[in-house]
Amino acid sequence: MNIAELQRATAMKVIAAMETSGTDWCKDWTPKNGQPPTSISTGNAYSGINTLILGLTRMAKGWQSHEYGTFNAWRAKGYNVAEGQKATHIVWYSSGTRKVKNDDGTEENRSWRKAKTFPVFNAEQVADYSPADIGNVPEVTTKPNTAMDKLAGDVSANVRNVDLAQAFYVPSADYINMPAIDQFTSAEAYACTLGHELTHWTGHKSRLDRDLKDNYAIEELVAELGSAMLAASLGISPEPRDDHAKYLSNWIKDISDKPATIMSAAAKAQAATSYLLDAQATSQIGLAA
């Protein structure tokens, strides 16, 4: 499977999930035990579009395990992929620089980036292997002081309760407005809505400098993916947003016309998630010093 085919396949999976699950689609593909898909070779969590690809597949298959590896990686661990199992294709990027000669005979270094796909298998597709994470599902957030609130505080996001009728981010004044937590159906729904607005917050010109106005529907997709990625990282089980549906048709149209849009949105969402979690880690190190 080449990159273009993977883009198209991923876009179609997102569209199918949106059409089937409606406003609940982001909840379905978030890891059930609060852990993002992880490589058994490196122990690191996958990022960007791979989080989305593996999450969607996990949703469709009903897998509980978050562990993934290539055929050879599982063999190196002493296990074999069960007969008849099909791999999930993800993306691997490499980059570097090379010298090129210009028309005038001068040389310069130019950067390059290359992408290729490779197949991985979930732990539940492996014979005689018992995933350690199955059955070890942590409790979801139930207190008003959610993990998302702590994240917002640690990164110094300005969260206000100016308008209790809606949640939004104001770039010009650089603040997030949130309704009261008791207005939500659950602490998880509140936390994930805050995660959505925190993702918008990262797009400010003083942070990741995303264009928050040019294509609002795509920015909403970035924010919703960012919310789900943050929820997975913080161990929060997301609930659907009530206002999610009104953007759904715009997202589906844009993704259908341009499959690479979902790749770009997932990369931006991952960048936002990394920005927030890295800023939180830096803050905690500062407090410990």
Protein backbone atom coordinates (compact mmCIF):
# COMPACT_ATOMS: atom_id res chain seq x y z
CA MET A 1 0.00 0.00 0.00
CA ASN A 2 1.46 3.37 -1.00
CA ILE A 3 0.98 6.69 0.79
CA ALA A 4 -1.80 7.92 -1.50
CA GLU A 5 -3.75 4.68 -1.00
CA LEU A 6 -3.27 4.92 2.77
CA GLN A 7 -4.50 8.52 2.75
CA ARG A 8 -7.61 7.52 0.85
CA ALA A 9 -8.25 4.46 3.05
CA THR A 10 -7.81 6.48 6.24
CA ALA A 11 -10.10 9.23 4.98
CA MET A 12 -12.77 6.67 4.13
CA LYS A 13 -12.48 5.12 7.62
CA VAL A 14 -12.95 8.52 9.24
CA ILE A 15 -15.94 9.27 7.04
CA ALA A 16 -17.48 5.87 7.82
CA ALA A 17 -16.92 6.40 11.55
CA MET A 18 -18.51 9.86 11.40
CA GLU A 19 -21.48 8.64 9.38
CA THR A 20 -22.03 5.57 11.56
CA SER A 21 -21.39 7.02 15.01
CA GLY A 22 -22.35 10.64 14.41
CA THR A 23 -21.24 12.88 17.25
CA ASP A 24 -19.93 9.87 19.17
CA TRP A 25 -17.22 8.92 16.66
CA CYS A 26 -14.28 10.40 18.56
CA LYS A 27 -15.21 8.46 21.68
CA ASP A 28 -15.21 5.17 19.81
CA TRP A 29 -11.65 5.28 18.53
CA THR A 30 -10.00 6.63 21.66
CA PRO A 31 -8.11 3.79 23.40
CA LYS A 32 -10.47 2.05 25.80
CA ASN A 33 -7.92 1.86 28.61
CA GLY A 34 -6.60 5.40 28.28
CA GLN A 35 -3.36 4.35 26.58
CA PRO A 36 -2.37 5.35 23.04
CA PRO A 37 -1.22 2.70 20.53
CA THR A 38 2.37 1.77 21.37
CA SER A 39 5.23 0.03 19.54
CA ILE A 40 6.48 -3.15 21.20
CA SER A 41 9.91 -2.53 19.66
CA THR A 42 10.55 0.94 21.08
CA GLY A 43 7.98 1.22 23.85
CA ASN A 44 7.03 4.60 22.43
CA ALA A 45 3.51 5.70 21.54
CA TYR A 46 2.74 6.19 17.86
CA SER A 47 2.01 9.77 16.86
CA GLY A 48 0.21 11.85 14.26
CA ILE A 49 -1.82 10.03 11.64
CA ASN A 50 -0.72 6.65 13.04
CA THR A 51 -2.63 7.35 16.27
CA LEU A 52 -5.74 7.85 14.19
CA ILE A 53 -5.19 4.88 11.86
CA LEU A 54 -4.57 2.43 14.70
CA GLY A 55 -7.36 3.90 16.82
CA LEU A 56 -9.91 3.54 14.04
CA THR A 57 -8.84 -0.05 13.39
CA ARG A 58 -8.99 -0.81 17.09
CA MET A 59 -12.51 0.57 17.24
CA ALA A 60 -13.63 -1.50 14.26
CA LYS A 61 -12.07 -4.72 15.56
CA GLY A 62 -12.97 -4.26 19.22
CA TRP A 63 -9.38 -4.80 20.39
CA GLN A 64 -8.55 -3.81 23.96
CA SER A 65 -4.76 -4.01 23.71
CA HIS A 66 -2.73 -0.95 22.77
CA GLU A 67 0.38 -2.94 21.76
CA TYR A 68 1.46 -3.16 18.10
CA GLY A 69 4.42 -4.61 16.26
CA THR A 70 5.55 -5.77 12.85
CA PHE A 71 5.62 -9.48 11.96
CA ASN A 72 9.37 -9.57 12.64
CA ALA A 73 9.06 -7.58 15.86
CA TRP A 74 6.65 -10.15 17.27
CA ARG A 75 8.93 -12.98 16.16
CA ALA A 76 11.85 -11.27 17.90
CA LYS A 77 9.76 -11.39 21.09
CA GLY A 78 9.23 -15.13 20.59
CA TYR A 79 5.68 -14.97 19.22
CA ASN A 80 3.98 -15.50 15.87
CA VAL A 81 1.11 -13.64 14.30
CA ALA A 82 -1.92 -15.94 14.22
CA GLU A 83 -2.76 -17.50 10.88
CA GLY A 84 -5.10 -15.50 8.68
CA GLN A 85 -4.60 -12.18 10.50
CA LYS A 86 -4.40 -9.04 8.37
CA ALA A 87 -2.00 -6.22 9.11
CA THR A 88 -2.83 -2.55 9.62
CA HIS A 89 -0.65 -0.27 7.49
CA ILE A 90 0.87 2.80 9.11
CA VAL A 91 3.28 5.51 7.96
CA TRP A 92 7.00 5.87 8.64
CA TYR A 93 8.79 9.10 7.81
CA SER A 94 12.50 9.67 7.28
CA SER A 95 14.28 12.93 6.56
CA GLY A 96 17.71 14.41 6.00
CA THR A 97 19.72 16.74 3.80
CA ARG A 98 21.62 16.27 0.58
CA LYS A 99 23.86 18.38 -1.60
CA VAL A 100 22.45 19.50 -4.91
CA LYS A 101 24.09 21.40 -7.75
CA ASN A 102 22.36 24.54 -8.99
CA ASP A 103 22.23 25.67 -12.60
CA ASP A 104 25.05 28.15 -11.94
CA GLY A 105 27.33 25.38 -10.70
CA THR A 106 27.08 26.21 -7.00
CA GLU A 107 26.12 23.59 -4.45
CA GLU A 108 23.73 23.83 -1.55
CA ASN A 109 22.20 21.57 1.07
CA ARG A 110 18.51 20.82 0.65
CA SER A 111 16.29 19.00 3.05
CA TRP A 112 14.28 15.93 2.00
CA ARG A 113 11.49 13.93 3.56
CA LYS A 114 10.34 10.49 2.55
CA ALA A 115 7.34 8.48 3.65
CA LYS A 116 6.55 4.79 3.30
CA THR A 117 4.02 2.42 4.76
CA PHE A 118 4.64 -0.74 6.74
CA PRO A 119 2.35 -3.36 8.33
CA VAL A 120 1.80 -3.85 12.06
CA PHE A 121 -0.30 -6.30 14.09
CA ASN A 122 -2.17 -5.76 17.34
CA ALA A 123 -1.27 -7.95 20.31
CA GLU A 124 -4.66 -9.65 20.05
CA GLN A 125 -3.68 -10.93 16.60
CA VAL A 126 -0.70 -12.78 18.03
CA ALA A 127 -0.87 -16.45 18.98
CA ASP A 128 -0.19 -17.47 22.59
CA TYR A 129 0.37 -13.90 23.76
CA SER A 130 -1.54 -12.34 26.65
CA PRO A 131 -1.50 -8.54 26.41
CA ALA A 132 -0.64 -7.08 29.79
CA ASP A 133 -3.02 -4.16 29.43
CA ILE A 134 -6.24 -6.15 28.86
CA GLY A 135 -8.42 -6.09 31.93
CA ASN A 136 -6.34 -3.33 33.52
CA VAL A 137 -8.64 -0.43 32.71
CA PRO A 138 -8.12 2.62 34.93
CA GLU A 139 -11.05 4.53 36.37
CA VAL A 140 -12.14 7.56 34.37
CA THR A 141 -12.09 11.06 35.77
CA THR A 142 -15.07 11.76 38.02
CA LYS A 143 -14.00 14.80 40.05
CA PRO A 144 -14.50 18.44 38.96
CA ASN A 145 -10.75 18.94 39.22
CA THR A 146 -10.07 16.87 36.09
CA ALA A 147 -6.72 16.00 34.57
CA MET A 148 -7.57 18.43 31.77
CA ASP A 149 -8.03 21.24 34.31
CA LYS A 150 -4.60 20.44 35.74
CA LEU A 151 -3.13 20.52 32.24
CA ALA A 152 -4.72 23.92 31.57
CA GLY A 153 -3.32 25.25 34.85
CA ASP A 154 0.15 23.83 34.26
CA VAL A 155 0.45 25.46 30.83
CA SER A 156 -0.99 28.77 32.15
CA ALA A 157 -4.01 28.78 29.86
CA ASN A 158 -6.48 31.53 30.83
CA VAL A 159 -9.77 29.69 31.43
CA ARG A 160 -12.79 31.85 32.32
CA ASN A 161 -16.51 31.38 32.96
CA VAL A 162 -17.77 34.51 31.21
CA ASP A 163 -20.58 32.88 29.22
CA LEU A 164 -22.09 29.75 30.78
CA ALA A 165 -24.09 28.99 27.63
CA GLN A 166 -21.18 27.86 25.45
CA ALA A 167 -17.53 26.88 25.21
CA PHE A 168 -15.15 28.81 22.96
CA TYR A 169 -11.65 30.23 22.55
CA VAL A 170 -11.02 33.94 21.86
CA PRO A 171 -7.71 34.39 19.98
CA SER A 172 -7.73 38.20 20.21
CA ALA A 173 -7.91 38.14 24.01
CA ASP A 174 -6.22 34.74 24.30
CA TYR A 175 -8.64 33.12 26.73
CA ILE A 176 -10.85 30.03 26.88
CA ASN A 177 -14.45 30.29 28.02
CA MET A 178 -16.08 27.26 29.63
CA PRO A 179 -19.52 26.56 31.12
CA ALA A 180 -19.58 25.20 34.67
CA ILE A 181 -18.72 21.53 35.03
CA ASP A 182 -22.12 20.69 36.56
CA GLN A 183 -23.77 21.76 33.30
CA PHE A 184 -22.24 18.75 31.53
CA THR A 185 -23.56 15.19 31.54
CA SER A 186 -20.28 13.97 33.02
CA ALA A 187 -16.85 15.12 34.12
CA GLU A 188 -15.46 13.37 31.05
CA ALA A 189 -17.65 15.42 28.71
CA TYR A 190 -16.48 18.60 30.44
CA ALA A 191 -12.81 17.54 30.30
CA CYS A 192 -12.95 16.68 26.61
CA THR A 193 -14.65 19.97 25.78
CA LEU A 194 -11.87 21.77 27.64
CA GLY A 195 -9.36 19.66 25.68
CA HIS A 196 -11.01 20.81 22.44
CA GLU A 197 -10.61 24.47 23.45
CA LEU A 198 -7.06 23.91 24.70
CA THR A 199 -6.18 22.56 21.24
CA HIS A 200 -7.56 25.79 19.73
CA TRP A 201 -5.46 27.68 22.33
CA THR A 202 -2.25 26.14 20.97
CA GLY A 203 -2.96 27.71 17.57
CA HIS A 204 -2.38 31.25 18.87
CA LYS A 205 0.33 33.20 17.00
CA SER A 206 2.52 33.13 20.12
CA ARG A 207 2.43 29.31 20.18
CA LEU A 208 2.00 27.07 17.12
CA ASP A 209 0.64 29.91 14.95
CA ARG A 210 -2.08 28.01 13.09
CA ASP A 211 -4.49 29.94 10.90
CA LEU A 212 -7.60 29.76 13.09
CA LYS A 213 -9.86 31.63 10.68
CA ASP A 214 -8.99 30.53 7.13
CA ASN A 215 -10.76 27.16 7.26
CA TYR A 216 -12.80 26.97 10.43
CA ALA A 217 -14.19 23.51 9.73
CA ILE A 218 -10.68 22.05 9.44
CA GLU A 219 -9.56 23.83 12.62
CA GLU A 220 -12.56 22.25 14.35
CA LEU A 221 -11.41 18.83 13.14
CA VAL A 222 -7.91 19.56 14.45
CA ALA A 223 -9.40 20.57 17.81
CA GLU A 224 -11.61 17.48 18.06
CA LEU A 225 -8.73 15.15 17.17
CA GLY A 226 -6.53 17.01 19.64
CA SER A 227 -9.15 16.57 22.34
CA ALA A 228 -9.27 12.82 21.72
CA MET A 229 -5.46 12.54 21.70
CA LEU A 230 -5.23 14.48 24.96
CA ALA A 231 -7.96 12.31 26.48
CA ALA A 232 -6.02 9.20 25.52
CA SER A 233 -2.80 10.61 26.99
CA LEU A 234 -4.43 11.71 30.26
CA GLY A 235 -6.56 8.59 30.77
CA ILE A 236 -9.89 10.33 30.19
CA SER A 237 -12.76 8.64 28.35
CA PRO A 238 -14.26 11.26 26.00
CA GLU A 239 -17.95 11.94 25.54
CA PRO A 240 -19.44 13.41 22.35
CA ARG A 241 -19.77 17.17 21.97
CA ASP A 242 -23.31 18.46 21.42
CA ASP A 243 -22.19 20.98 18.79
CA HIS A 244 -20.03 18.47 16.94
CA ALA A 245 -22.72 17.54 14.42
CA LYS A 246 -23.10 20.98 12.84
CA TYR A 247 -19.56 20.77 11.47
CA LEU A 248 -19.83 17.15 10.39
CA SER A 249 -21.02 17.72 6.83
CA ASN A 250 -18.24 20.24 6.15
CA TRP A 251 -15.60 17.86 7.45
CA ILE A 252 -16.85 14.92 5.40
CA LYS A 253 -17.00 16.99 2.21
CA ASP A 254 -13.51 18.35 2.70
CA ILE A 255 -12.06 14.94 3.56
CA SER A 256 -13.81 13.32 0.58
CA ASP A 257 -12.40 15.94 -1.78
CA LYS A 258 -8.92 15.93 -0.27
CA PRO A 259 -7.90 12.75 1.56
CA ALA A 260 -4.61 14.33 2.61
CA THR A 261 -6.64 16.76 4.75
CA ILE A 262 -7.09 14.14 7.46
CA MET A 263 -3.33 13.48 7.46
CA SER A 264 -2.64 17.19 7.85
CA ALA A 265 -5.28 17.63 10.56
CA ALA A 266 -3.96 14.66 12.55
CA ALA A 267 -0.40 15.99 12.31
CA LYS A 268 -1.54 19.41 13.57
CA ALA A 269 -3.53 17.79 16.36
CA GLN A 270 -0.50 15.72 17.38
CA ALA A 271 1.68 18.85 17.36
CA ALA A 272 -0.86 20.59 19.60
CA THR A 273 -1.01 17.61 21.96
CA SER A 274 2.78 17.39 22.16
CA TYR A 275 3.02 21.14 22.77
CA LEU A 276 0.61 20.96 25.70
CA LEU A 277 2.07 17.84 27.31
CA ASP A 278 5.66 19.08 26.85
CA ALA A 279 4.74 22.45 28.38
CA GLN A 280 3.12 20.66 31.30
CA ALA A 281 6.22 18.51 31.84
CA THR A 282 8.44 21.60 31.75
CA SER A 283 6.19 23.31 34.29
CA GLN A 284 6.34 20.35 36.65
CA ILE A 285 10.14 20.20 36.39
CA GLY A 286 10.27 23.88 37.28
CA LEU A 287 8.13 23.35 40.36
CA ALA A 288 10.32 20.45 41.48
CA ALA A 289 13.54 22.44 41.13
